[in-house]
Each structure stands twice: as C-alpha cells, then as structure tokens.
C-alpha cells in the first residue's frame, strides 16, 4: 500500500484543503528527464557522453563541441503518439493523445586551426541550442462501481483533519459543505458525509499538457585533438497543466443525492538555470571516454489553481473556489554522466552512458526560505533514492547512409515500493549524410507504469487504485546544414 500513498497527491494536489500542488510529486516530476537532442542522438538511445560533434552535445556533454570541424545548423520537429491503459477493480480503459512539437533547434559556430598551424589548442566551437527535455502531454480515464466509502467520505475525513477554511470557498471541503455533501454534527464535533445508499458509479478524465525545455549556451575546445573540454549554461522553462474531472452518480430513490462533478485545474510555470562541465578524452582513434557534471537546476515556480463542484440533488448546486496563485522555488538534483564510445573506423560506432541522479536531494522552498516546505522535503528525502540511468546505442555506416538503434533504462527513483517505476526507451533511426547537409529520423518508443488514486480514505482498503500503463512513440526528424 505504500505505492498508493506515494502518488495520491497527483489528483488531490494537496490534502491540506487547498488546491495547491507543491509536494514531493512535483519535485520528482521536474527532476526526472527523458531522452533529448537531435534525431541522431535519440536514435542511439541518448548515449552521447563520449561521442561529440553533434548538436545533441548542447543538451548533454558540452565537451563534444570541441570535436566540430565546421559550423552547423540543426532543426528537429517531431510528433508524439501516446497510449494509456488504465485498470481499476479489474476494468480497463484506453485513451490516446497526439501532439506536434519542436524537439531540438541549434546552431554551432566552429573554428579550427589548419593542420599545418602550430599550437596545442586546435580549435573550439560555440553553440546555442533548444531541447525538449520531456513532454507532459497525456490523457487517461477510468470507470468503477463503488459500494463503500467514496470521495464524499474522503472530503469529510479531510474536513475533520484540516477544517474547511475561514471562508467556505477556500477549498474542496468547503465546497462540499456548501453543496450539502458533508454536514457538521454539533454533538460529535465532527463533519460527516450525507447518506447515500447502494452502488455509486464513478468516472474520471485526467488531461495533462505542457513540456519542460532548455536553452543551452555552450563552448567546447580541443587540446591536441586528444582532450576536449566544454562548459555550458542552461536556461530551463516549463509549463505543466492538469485538468481532472471526477464524477459520481447514484440512482437510489430513498436518498436526495443524484450526481456530482468535481473539476480541479492547476497550471505550473517555472524558469530555471543550471551549469554544466564536460570532458572527452581520445587516447586513440578507436576509443573515446567522456564525462559531464550538471549542477542542480534552480527554478522559480508559480502555481495557479481553481476547483469547482456541481451537485445535483432535488436542486442543482454550483460552487467554485476563487482562483489562487502561489510562488515558490524548486531545486532539482545534480546529474553525473559518464560514457565510452568505440569508433569502428568508417563502419560506425558503439556507445554507452551511465548517469547518476539522487532524487532524494530535490528541495522545495518558499520565497522567504521560512521552512514552510519542511514536511514535503522530509518526504522527498524519505521516499526517493539515487538512481542510475543506463543508455546504449550504435550506428552503422554504409556509404552516405546511417542506421541506428539504442536502448535506455531510467532507474526507479522510489526508496521502497512494490511497484516498478522504471522507464524504458527503445530507439531506432536512420540518416543520410552529404558534404553540405544531412537528414536524420528517429523513432523513440517509451514505456512506464504509474499508480493513481483520486482521493484518500482512512480505510485504505476502500481507496480506489488506478494502475496505468503509459506507452509513447515519438517520431523525430532532424534537418542539418553545414556551413
């Protein structure tokens, strides 16, 4: 049951009675990144730490810019197809979603000394790039029949724990009180759910949108064409929007309740900054070894949120909270990345990366650093752990043609859970290389499982648990020009 409690906040946002969403789930959401870069990099599973001479190094190891011999412009549009299967109480529902996106954009200005020119430093390149680090576009739904406690009992339990606010329209519990879903017993000094009988039909649609992107400004230099050093500054942006519409209905003639619709919406935007240092060592033409270090990303975040509730009894009740906003800060963990590449002459290469991320080091803070998020940060330290992300890929060269394949496995960030939350990526790609231009395409198939609960109950055995299987296919094209 630990996995139930871990992800409950995804729909409830915050059980303190507000609609804010600043909790450990947010810290993980914006810390756990996917595969990004050009179609070439994504086609080899994102394993680019030791390769170099690709615009994907702007979002990875900046030392790779030192291997450039000329300037380059790249543009990578993509389309994502999502499929989510949700299962609760043995019943399954399938939902789909597609979206167009800009996966990567970059320009690298390369300068290199001619082979006959003296000097240990052989050249360097400066690059500016945009990379889509992860997509938040997803949609799922489910239906179930509840014969015991439902969301109304959950709201009554929450009202007893947190209250209904100084004014009734501050939170969901207040909305439930105003629409007569819960009442107050003066003798018992507690809130209770109004009487409902029989089976209650439940359904919910959850739609999320947005993306996490980064602009990188990087420089890489070559020392004797053996040692390559690089540094970059990343400016991150994000936008996450989630709308959940939860419904319950009952057809028992002995009670006044007919149905309810609870709609929660929140939007998170943020801007962040980080730094990255990288190194690649090429002892010979066969082997390259690379490593990079990325500082924590420091985000300034802002949440906006609103909740509405419609209840149909003998008459209809429609109420909603006032729109709310809250600003805070988020620090995501540092990232350590190392890789090795075996260059097979003109036949291609094989590369592999390992990345270390300690998700327990993410931190939430308010703007005055008052310690308001002490409980949430304690949960982050307790629930999450370090994880190792593994990436491997290969490219085969056949005259002007390229064929690629790769695999990536992102480690489970949870400390203790019977539920496997690893993320896997299977990739494939192809390309054409000419002297003045190149064209690449990549297909990235990703899969991950998650657990979702629309509300919590003191008796967790009555709490619904929705298991979702998320499958995404991202088709990315890169057009590159050399100059």
Protein backbone atom coordinates (compact mmCIF):
# COMPACT_ATOMS: atom_id res chain seq x y z
CA UNK A 1 0.00 0.00 0.00
CA UNK A 2 2.99 2.32 0.12
CA UNK A 3 2.64 2.94 -3.60
CA UNK A 4 -0.90 4.19 -3.07
CA UNK A 5 0.14 6.92 -0.70
CA UNK A 6 3.12 7.98 -2.81
CA UNK A 7 1.08 9.13 -5.80
CA UNK A 8 -2.19 10.16 -4.16
CA UNK A 9 -1.29 13.82 -4.48
CA UNK A 10 -1.36 13.65 -8.28
CA UNK A 11 -5.11 14.27 -8.31
CA UNK A 12 -5.82 15.65 -4.87
CA UNK A 13 -2.97 18.10 -5.31
CA UNK A 14 -2.70 18.85 -1.61
CA UNK A 15 -4.77 17.36 1.21
CA UNK A 16 -4.33 20.40 3.44
CA UNK A 17 -7.53 21.70 1.93
CA UNK A 18 -6.11 23.95 -0.75
CA UNK A 19 -5.79 23.24 -4.44
CA UNK A 20 -2.05 23.91 -4.48
CA UNK A 21 0.25 21.24 -5.82
CA UNK A 22 3.60 21.83 -4.18
CA UNK A 23 4.62 18.42 -2.91
CA UNK A 24 7.11 15.62 -3.41
CA UNK A 25 5.40 14.53 -6.64
CA UNK A 26 6.16 17.88 -8.24
CA UNK A 27 9.81 17.67 -7.23
CA UNK A 28 10.09 14.28 -8.92
CA UNK A 29 8.09 15.29 -11.99
CA UNK A 30 10.50 18.09 -12.89
CA UNK A 31 13.66 16.19 -11.90
CA UNK A 32 13.12 13.06 -13.97
CA UNK A 33 14.07 13.79 -17.56
CA UNK A 34 13.76 11.74 -20.73
CA UNK A 35 15.88 11.47 -23.89
CA UNK A 36 16.51 14.72 -25.74
CA UNK A 37 18.66 16.04 -28.58
CA UNK A 38 18.85 15.52 -32.32
CA UNK A 39 17.34 12.56 -34.14
CA UNK A 40 20.84 11.07 -34.33
CA UNK A 41 21.30 11.18 -30.54
CA UNK A 42 17.78 9.94 -29.83
CA UNK A 43 18.20 7.15 -32.38
CA UNK A 44 21.11 5.75 -30.33
CA UNK A 45 19.21 5.87 -27.04
CA UNK A 46 20.66 9.21 -25.93
CA UNK A 47 24.15 7.76 -25.38
CA UNK A 48 26.28 10.73 -26.45
CA UNK A 49 28.57 11.49 -23.47
CA UNK A 50 31.72 10.34 -25.31
CA UNK A 51 30.83 10.93 -28.96
CA UNK A 52 30.98 14.63 -29.77
CA UNK A 53 30.49 16.63 -32.97
CA UNK A 54 26.68 16.57 -32.65
CA UNK A 55 24.27 19.35 -31.71
CA UNK A 56 22.90 16.97 -29.10
CA UNK A 57 26.02 17.79 -27.07
CA UNK A 58 24.45 21.18 -26.34
CA UNK A 59 21.96 19.37 -24.09
CA UNK A 60 24.46 16.71 -22.98
CA UNK A 61 28.24 16.87 -22.77
CA UNK A 62 29.45 20.32 -23.97
CA UNK A 63 32.96 18.96 -24.46
CA UNK A 64 31.65 17.35 -27.63
CA UNK A 65 31.61 20.76 -29.28
CA UNK A 66 35.41 20.61 -29.34
CA UNK A 67 35.26 17.86 -31.97
CA UNK A 68 33.50 20.07 -34.52
CA UNK A 69 35.50 20.92 -37.65
CA UNK A 70 32.93 23.28 -39.18
CA UNK A 71 29.74 25.13 -38.35
CA UNK A 72 26.30 23.58 -38.32
CA UNK A 73 22.58 24.38 -38.05
CA UNK A 74 20.01 21.78 -36.99
CA UNK A 75 16.22 21.79 -36.76
CA UNK A 76 14.24 18.86 -35.32
CA UNK A 77 10.42 18.80 -35.40
CA UNK A 78 8.56 15.80 -34.03
CA UNK A 79 5.21 14.20 -33.41
CA UNK A 80 4.26 12.17 -30.34
CA UNK A 81 1.63 9.44 -30.13
CA UNK A 82 0.51 8.46 -26.63
CA UNK A 83 -1.48 5.44 -25.48
CA UNK A 84 -2.53 4.90 -21.87
CA UNK A 85 -4.28 1.85 -20.45
CA UNK A 86 -5.88 2.38 -17.03
CA UNK A 87 -7.06 -0.51 -14.87
CA UNK A 88 -9.08 -0.34 -11.65
CA UNK A 89 -11.02 -3.16 -9.98
CA UNK A 90 -10.29 -5.37 -12.98
CA UNK A 91 -11.86 -3.00 -15.53
CA UNK A 92 -9.67 -1.31 -18.16
CA UNK A 93 -9.96 1.83 -20.24
CA UNK A 94 -7.74 3.04 -23.07
CA UNK A 95 -7.07 6.62 -24.08
CA UNK A 96 -4.92 8.19 -26.77
CA UNK A 97 -3.34 11.55 -27.47
CA UNK A 98 -1.11 13.09 -30.15
CA UNK A 99 0.82 16.34 -30.34
CA UNK A 100 3.27 18.10 -32.63
CA UNK A 101 6.39 19.52 -31.02
CA UNK A 102 9.79 21.06 -31.59
CA UNK A 103 12.28 18.54 -30.27
CA UNK A 104 15.53 20.41 -30.93
CA UNK A 105 16.96 23.53 -32.53
CA UNK A 106 20.62 24.51 -32.58
CA UNK A 107 23.44 26.35 -34.21
CA UNK A 108 27.16 25.66 -33.68
CA UNK A 109 29.88 28.05 -34.85
CA UNK A 110 33.08 26.09 -35.27
CA UNK A 111 36.63 27.45 -35.64
CA UNK A 112 39.59 25.16 -36.17
CA UNK A 113 43.23 25.75 -36.99
CA UNK A 114 44.55 24.23 -40.16
CA UNK A 115 46.65 21.11 -39.74
CA UNK A 116 49.85 22.97 -40.54
CA UNK A 117 49.30 25.66 -37.89
CA UNK A 118 51.24 25.34 -34.65
CA UNK A 119 49.62 25.38 -31.21
CA UNK A 120 48.30 22.84 -28.75
CA UNK A 121 44.75 24.25 -28.75
CA UNK A 122 43.45 23.17 -32.14
CA UNK A 123 40.10 24.94 -32.14
CA UNK A 124 36.79 25.48 -30.43
CA UNK A 125 33.08 25.86 -31.07
CA UNK A 126 30.32 27.95 -29.55
CA UNK A 127 26.76 26.75 -29.74
CA UNK A 128 23.23 27.80 -28.84
CA UNK A 129 20.57 25.15 -28.66
CA UNK A 130 16.99 24.41 -27.66
CA UNK A 131 15.99 20.95 -26.43
CA UNK A 132 12.68 19.49 -25.32
CA UNK A 133 13.64 17.62 -22.15
CA UNK A 134 10.30 15.97 -21.52
CA UNK A 135 6.67 16.15 -22.60
CA UNK A 136 3.76 16.28 -20.17
CA UNK A 137 1.09 15.53 -22.76
CA UNK A 138 -1.01 12.62 -21.56
CA UNK A 139 -4.63 11.61 -21.09
CA UNK A 140 -6.32 8.78 -19.24
CA UNK A 141 -9.75 7.84 -17.90
CA UNK A 142 -11.36 5.12 -15.85
CA UNK A 143 -14.75 3.95 -14.54
CA UNK A 144 -15.66 1.91 -11.49
CA UNK A 145 -18.57 0.99 -9.22
CA UNK A 146 -18.05 1.81 -5.52
CA UNK A 147 -20.18 0.07 -2.91
CA UNK A 148 -18.44 1.54 0.14
CA UNK A 149 -16.97 4.90 1.01
CA UNK A 150 -16.37 7.34 -1.84
CA UNK A 151 -14.94 10.81 -2.36
CA UNK A 152 -17.63 12.34 -0.13
CA UNK A 153 -16.40 10.34 2.85
CA UNK A 154 -12.87 11.36 1.90
CA UNK A 155 -13.88 15.04 1.97
CA UNK A 156 -15.50 14.59 5.38
CA UNK A 157 -12.34 12.94 6.75
CA UNK A 158 -10.22 15.73 5.28
CA UNK A 159 -12.53 18.40 6.77
CA UNK A 160 -12.10 16.84 10.21
CA UNK A 161 -8.35 16.81 9.77
CA UNK A 162 -7.76 20.19 8.14
CA UNK A 163 -11.02 22.14 8.52
CA UNK A 164 -12.97 23.84 5.76
CA UNK A 165 -11.15 27.17 5.79
CA UNK A 166 -12.11 30.54 7.24
CA UNK A 167 -14.48 31.02 4.31
CA UNK A 168 -16.29 28.10 2.78
CA UNK A 169 -14.93 28.68 -0.72
CA UNK A 170 -11.24 28.32 0.13
CA UNK A 171 -11.03 24.60 -0.54
CA UNK A 172 -12.75 21.43 -1.72
CA UNK A 173 -14.03 20.60 1.76
CA UNK A 174 -15.75 23.98 1.91
CA UNK A 175 -17.35 23.37 -1.45
CA UNK A 176 -18.64 20.01 -0.23
CA UNK A 177 -20.11 21.68 2.87
CA UNK A 178 -21.82 24.40 0.81
CA UNK A 179 -23.42 21.81 -1.50
CA UNK A 180 -24.63 19.64 1.42
CA UNK A 181 -22.38 16.69 0.60
CA UNK A 182 -20.99 16.92 4.13
CA UNK A 183 -22.57 18.32 7.30
CA UNK A 184 -21.36 19.14 10.80
CA UNK A 185 -22.50 17.25 13.91
CA UNK A 186 -22.54 19.74 16.79
CA UNK A 187 -22.72 16.98 19.41
CA UNK A 188 -19.89 14.88 17.99
CA UNK A 189 -17.95 17.99 16.88
CA UNK A 190 -17.10 16.46 13.55
CA UNK A 191 -18.04 16.54 9.88
CA UNK A 192 -19.81 13.59 8.32
CA UNK A 193 -20.86 12.52 4.82
CA UNK A 194 -24.53 12.76 3.89
CA UNK A 195 -26.37 9.49 3.48
CA UNK A 196 -26.09 7.66 0.18
CA UNK A 197 -27.12 4.07 -0.48
CA UNK A 198 -26.27 1.36 -2.95
CA UNK A 199 -23.64 1.36 -5.63
CA UNK A 200 -22.11 4.67 -6.67
CA UNK A 201 -20.82 4.88 -10.23
CA UNK A 202 -17.53 6.73 -10.55
CA UNK A 203 -15.56 8.00 -13.53
CA UNK A 204 -12.71 10.43 -14.12
CA UNK A 205 -10.91 12.03 -17.04
CA UNK A 206 -7.41 13.39 -16.42
CA UNK A 207 -5.73 15.50 -19.07
CA UNK A 208 -2.21 16.91 -18.76
CA UNK A 209 -0.36 19.18 -21.16
CA UNK A 210 2.90 21.08 -21.37
CA UNK A 211 6.62 20.46 -21.63
CA UNK A 212 9.96 21.07 -19.97
CA UNK A 213 12.50 22.73 -22.27
CA UNK A 214 16.01 24.15 -22.01
CA UNK A 215 18.10 26.68 -23.90
CA UNK A 216 21.83 25.91 -23.71
CA UNK A 217 24.75 28.23 -24.37
CA UNK A 218 27.90 26.15 -24.64
CA UNK A 219 31.56 26.25 -25.66
CA UNK A 220 33.89 23.33 -26.33
CA UNK A 221 37.61 23.33 -27.15
CA UNK A 222 40.14 20.81 -28.48
CA UNK A 223 43.60 20.32 -26.92
CA UNK A 224 45.93 18.45 -29.29
CA UNK A 225 42.84 16.64 -30.63
CA UNK A 226 43.17 14.32 -27.62
CA UNK A 227 41.48 16.18 -24.81
CA UNK A 228 38.23 18.08 -25.28
CA UNK A 229 36.82 20.41 -22.62
CA UNK A 230 33.48 22.17 -22.51
CA UNK A 231 31.15 24.26 -20.38
CA UNK A 232 27.60 25.48 -20.74
CA UNK A 233 24.83 27.45 -19.09
CA UNK A 234 21.28 26.14 -19.34
CA UNK A 235 18.13 28.23 -19.07
CA UNK A 236 15.17 25.97 -18.37
CA UNK A 237 11.49 26.67 -18.86
CA UNK A 238 8.46 24.58 -18.03
CA UNK A 239 4.72 24.62 -18.20
CA UNK A 240 2.50 21.90 -16.77
CA UNK A 241 -1.30 21.99 -16.89
CA UNK A 242 -3.58 19.31 -15.47
CA UNK A 243 -7.37 19.17 -15.59
CA UNK A 244 -9.20 16.36 -13.81
CA UNK A 245 -12.97 15.90 -13.99
CA UNK A 246 -14.28 13.44 -11.41
CA UNK A 247 -17.91 12.26 -11.42
CA UNK A 248 -20.14 10.21 -9.12
CA UNK A 249 -23.77 9.20 -9.65
CA UNK A 250 -26.36 7.26 -7.68
CA UNK A 251 -29.89 6.13 -8.63
CA UNK A 252 -31.32 5.21 -5.24
CA UNK A 253 -34.77 6.78 -4.79
CA UNK A 254 -34.50 6.86 -0.98
CA UNK A 255 -31.70 9.46 -0.99
CA UNK A 256 -31.70 13.02 -2.33
CA UNK A 257 -28.29 12.71 -4.00
CA UNK A 258 -28.16 12.17 -7.77
CA UNK A 259 -24.68 13.07 -9.00
CA UNK A 260 -21.66 15.30 -8.57
CA UNK A 261 -18.94 16.66 -10.82
CA UNK A 262 -15.68 17.85 -9.25
CA UNK A 263 -13.28 19.68 -11.54
CA UNK A 264 -9.72 20.50 -10.50
CA UNK A 265 -7.34 22.50 -12.66
CA UNK A 266 -3.86 23.75 -11.93
CA UNK A 267 -1.06 25.19 -14.01
CA UNK A 268 2.60 25.32 -13.03
CA UNK A 269 5.13 27.51 -14.82
CA UNK A 270 8.80 27.85 -13.99
CA UNK A 271 12.12 29.28 -15.11
CA UNK A 272 15.44 27.82 -14.02
CA UNK A 273 19.18 27.95 -14.50
CA UNK A 274 21.98 25.39 -14.30
CA UNK A 275 25.59 24.93 -15.35
CA UNK A 276 27.43 22.02 -16.93
CA UNK A 277 31.08 21.00 -17.30
CA UNK A 278 32.29 18.26 -19.63
CA UNK A 279 35.38 16.39 -20.74
CA UNK A 280 36.15 13.87 -23.50
CA UNK A 281 39.46 12.04 -23.79
CA UNK A 282 40.50 10.34 -27.03
CA UNK A 283 43.63 8.23 -26.41
CA UNK A 284 43.45 6.76 -29.91
CA UNK A 285 41.18 6.61 -32.94
CA UNK A 286 39.30 3.62 -31.53
CA UNK A 287 38.32 4.79 -28.04
CA UNK A 288 36.70 7.87 -26.53
CA UNK A 289 35.84 8.36 -22.87
CA UNK A 290 33.60 11.21 -21.70
CA UNK A 291 32.08 12.63 -18.53
CA UNK A 292 29.92 15.60 -17.59
CA UNK A 293 28.66 17.22 -14.44
CA UNK A 294 25.47 19.28 -14.26
CA UNK A 295 24.74 21.46 -11.27
CA UNK A 296 21.32 21.41 -9.62
CA UNK A 297 18.74 23.41 -11.56
CA UNK A 298 17.34 26.31 -9.56
CA UNK A 299 13.74 27.09 -10.51
CA UNK A 300 11.43 29.98 -9.69
CA UNK A 301 7.95 28.43 -9.83
CA UNK A 302 4.40 29.74 -9.92
CA UNK A 303 1.17 27.76 -9.49
CA UNK A 304 -2.33 28.87 -10.42
CA UNK A 305 -5.35 26.73 -9.49
CA UNK A 306 -9.11 26.56 -9.15
CA UNK A 307 -11.70 23.95 -8.13
CA UNK A 308 -15.40 23.79 -9.00
CA UNK A 309 -18.12 21.46 -7.74
CA UNK A 310 -21.55 20.76 -9.20
CA UNK A 311 -24.03 18.67 -7.20
CA UNK A 312 -27.47 17.55 -8.37
CA UNK A 313 -29.97 16.67 -5.65
CA UNK A 314 -33.57 17.96 -5.52
CA UNK A 315 -31.98 21.09 -6.90
CA UNK A 316 -28.66 21.91 -8.53
CA UNK A 317 -25.74 23.49 -6.65
CA UNK A 318 -22.78 25.05 -8.47
CA UNK A 319 -19.87 26.49 -6.49
CA UNK A 320 -16.19 27.12 -7.09
CA UNK A 321 -13.15 28.39 -5.25
CA UNK A 322 -11.65 31.74 -6.08
CA UNK A 323 -8.68 31.46 -8.47
CA UNK A 324 -5.48 31.10 -6.47
CA UNK A 325 -1.78 31.63 -7.10
CA UNK A 326 1.35 30.71 -5.22
CA UNK A 327 5.06 31.29 -5.95
CA UNK A 328 7.89 29.15 -4.60
CA UNK A 329 11.31 27.72 -5.52
CA UNK A 330 12.42 24.25 -6.59
CA UNK A 331 15.95 22.84 -6.72
CA UNK A 332 16.35 19.66 -8.75
CA UNK A 333 19.29 17.25 -8.18
CA UNK A 334 22.70 17.47 -9.80
CA UNK A 335 23.47 14.95 -12.54
CA UNK A 336 26.70 13.00 -13.14
CA UNK A 337 27.15 11.36 -16.52
CA UNK A 338 29.92 9.16 -17.89
CA UNK A 339 30.28 7.28 -21.13
CA UNK A 340 32.53 5.39 -23.51
CA UNK A 341 32.43 5.12 -27.29
CA UNK A 342 34.19 2.64 -29.58
CA UNK A 343 34.76 4.10 -33.04
CA UNK A 344 34.74 1.37 -35.69
CA UNK A 345 36.53 3.40 -38.33
CA UNK A 346 34.27 4.26 -41.25
CA UNK A 347 31.86 1.47 -40.27
CA UNK A 348 30.20 3.29 -37.35
CA UNK A 349 30.43 3.23 -33.56
CA UNK A 350 29.07 1.74 -30.34
CA UNK A 351 28.48 3.98 -27.31
CA UNK A 352 27.21 3.62 -23.76
CA UNK A 353 26.42 6.00 -20.88
CA UNK A 354 25.69 5.79 -17.17
CA UNK A 355 24.00 8.70 -15.41
CA UNK A 356 23.68 9.14 -11.64
CA UNK A 357 20.85 11.22 -10.16
CA UNK A 358 19.96 11.38 -6.45
CA UNK A 359 16.26 12.25 -6.45
CA UNK A 360 16.20 12.49 -2.66
CA UNK A 361 18.21 15.75 -2.94
CA UNK A 362 15.43 17.75 -4.64
CA UNK A 363 14.17 20.60 -2.46
CA UNK A 364 11.13 22.90 -2.29
CA UNK A 365 11.37 26.32 -0.66
CA UNK A 366 9.17 29.35 -0.33
CA UNK A 367 10.46 32.72 -1.47
CA UNK A 368 11.42 33.75 2.09
CA UNK A 369 13.02 30.38 2.98
CA UNK A 370 10.79 30.17 6.07
CA UNK A 371 10.82 26.37 6.27
CA UNK A 372 7.22 26.07 5.08
CA UNK A 373 8.11 23.01 3.00
CA UNK A 374 9.87 21.13 5.80
CA UNK A 375 7.37 18.25 5.74
CA UNK A 376 7.46 17.96 1.94
CA UNK A 377 11.27 17.95 1.91
CA UNK A 378 11.33 15.27 4.59
CA UNK A 379 9.08 13.16 2.35
CA UNK A 380 11.42 13.73 -0.59
CA UNK A 381 14.38 12.54 1.50
CA UNK A 382 12.44 9.51 2.75
CA UNK A 383 10.52 8.39 -0.34
CA UNK A 384 13.16 8.90 -3.03
CA UNK A 385 16.63 7.49 -3.58
CA UNK A 386 19.57 7.72 -6.01
CA UNK A 387 19.04 6.09 -9.38
CA UNK A 388 21.31 5.09 -12.25
CA UNK A 389 20.16 5.67 -15.82
CA UNK A 390 21.67 3.39 -18.47
CA UNK A 391 21.91 4.23 -22.19
CA UNK A 392 23.48 2.29 -25.05
CA UNK A 393 23.42 2.72 -28.81
CA UNK A 394 25.14 2.01 -32.10
CA UNK A 395 25.40 3.45 -35.58
CA UNK A 396 26.26 1.61 -38.76
CA UNK A 397 27.59 3.50 -41.77
CA UNK A 398 27.01 2.40 -45.37
CA UNK A 399 28.38 4.99 -47.76
CA UNK A 400 26.14 8.06 -47.24
CA UNK A 401 23.53 6.09 -45.27
CA UNK A 402 23.29 5.61 -41.49
CA UNK A 403 21.35 3.06 -39.47
CA UNK A 404 20.97 3.42 -35.69
CA UNK A 405 19.50 1.61 -32.70
CA UNK A 406 19.55 2.16 -28.96
CA UNK A 407 18.10 1.38 -25.56
CA UNK A 408 17.77 3.37 -22.34
CA UNK A 409 16.59 2.36 -18.89
CA UNK A 410 15.84 5.07 -16.31
CA UNK A 411 16.15 3.73 -12.77
CA UNK A 412 13.32 3.64 -10.22
CA UNK A 413 13.56 6.76 -8.02
CA UNK A 414 11.48 5.34 -5.13
CA UNK A 415 13.18 4.02 -2.00
CA UNK A 416 10.63 1.38 -1.00
CA UNK A 417 7.84 0.28 -3.28
CA UNK A 418 6.44 -2.96 -4.58
CA UNK A 419 5.54 -1.11 -7.77
CA UNK A 420 8.17 -0.88 -10.51
CA UNK A 421 8.56 2.69 -11.78
CA UNK A 422 11.48 2.22 -14.16
CA UNK A 423 11.18 3.90 -17.54
CA UNK A 424 12.45 2.15 -20.68
CA UNK A 425 13.19 3.54 -24.14
CA UNK A 426 13.70 1.52 -27.32
CA UNK A 427 15.01 3.61 -30.21
CA UNK A 428 15.79 3.28 -33.89
CA UNK A 429 16.91 5.70 -36.56
CA UNK A 430 18.31 6.30 -40.00
CA UNK A 431 20.02 9.10 -41.86
CA UNK A 432 21.72 10.43 -44.95
CA UNK A 433 24.99 12.41 -44.78
CA UNK A 434 26.25 14.66 -47.55
CA UNK A 435 29.00 17.27 -47.53
CA UNK A 436 26.69 20.23 -47.09
CA UNK A 437 23.65 18.77 -45.37
CA UNK A 438 22.24 15.75 -43.56
CA UNK A 439 18.80 14.30 -42.84
CA UNK A 440 18.02 12.06 -39.85
CA UNK A 441 14.93 10.38 -38.47
CA UNK A 442 14.42 8.61 -35.14
CA UNK A 443 11.60 6.66 -33.53
CA UNK A 444 11.60 6.52 -29.73
CA UNK A 445 9.27 4.07 -28.01
CA UNK A 446 8.98 4.68 -24.27
CA UNK A 447 7.01 2.88 -21.58
CA UNK A 448 6.36 3.47 -17.90
CA UNK A 449 3.85 2.38 -15.29
CA UNK A 450 2.26 4.54 -12.62
CA UNK A 451 -0.25 4.37 -9.77
CA UNK A 452 -3.02 6.91 -9.24
CA UNK A 453 -5.65 7.49 -6.57
CA UNK A 454 -8.30 10.23 -6.94
CA UNK A 455 -8.74 10.55 -3.16
CA UNK A 456 -7.57 9.06 0.12
CA UNK A 457 -9.52 7.28 2.85
CA UNK A 458 -8.59 6.36 6.40
CA UNK A 459 -9.56 2.80 5.46
CA UNK A 460 -7.13 2.35 2.57
CA UNK A 461 -8.79 -0.91 1.53
CA UNK A 462 -11.74 1.14 0.20
CA UNK A 463 -9.50 3.60 -1.61
CA UNK A 464 -9.52 3.20 -5.41
CA UNK A 465 -6.16 2.47 -7.01
CA UNK A 466 -5.78 3.03 -10.74
CA UNK A 467 -2.83 1.31 -12.43
CA UNK A 468 -1.80 3.00 -15.66
CA UNK A 469 0.46 1.67 -18.39
CA UNK A 470 1.82 4.55 -20.45
CA UNK A 471 3.20 3.93 -23.93
CA UNK A 472 4.55 6.72 -26.13
CA UNK A 473 6.03 6.82 -29.62
CA UNK A 474 7.93 9.94 -30.62
CA UNK A 475 8.87 10.40 -34.27
CA UNK A 476 11.63 12.99 -34.69
CA UNK A 477 13.17 14.46 -37.85
CA UNK A 478 16.41 16.45 -37.99
CA UNK A 479 17.44 18.64 -40.89
CA UNK A 480 21.06 19.78 -40.68
CA UNK A 481 23.06 22.27 -42.73
CA UNK A 482 26.87 22.62 -42.65
CA UNK A 483 28.48 25.97 -43.34
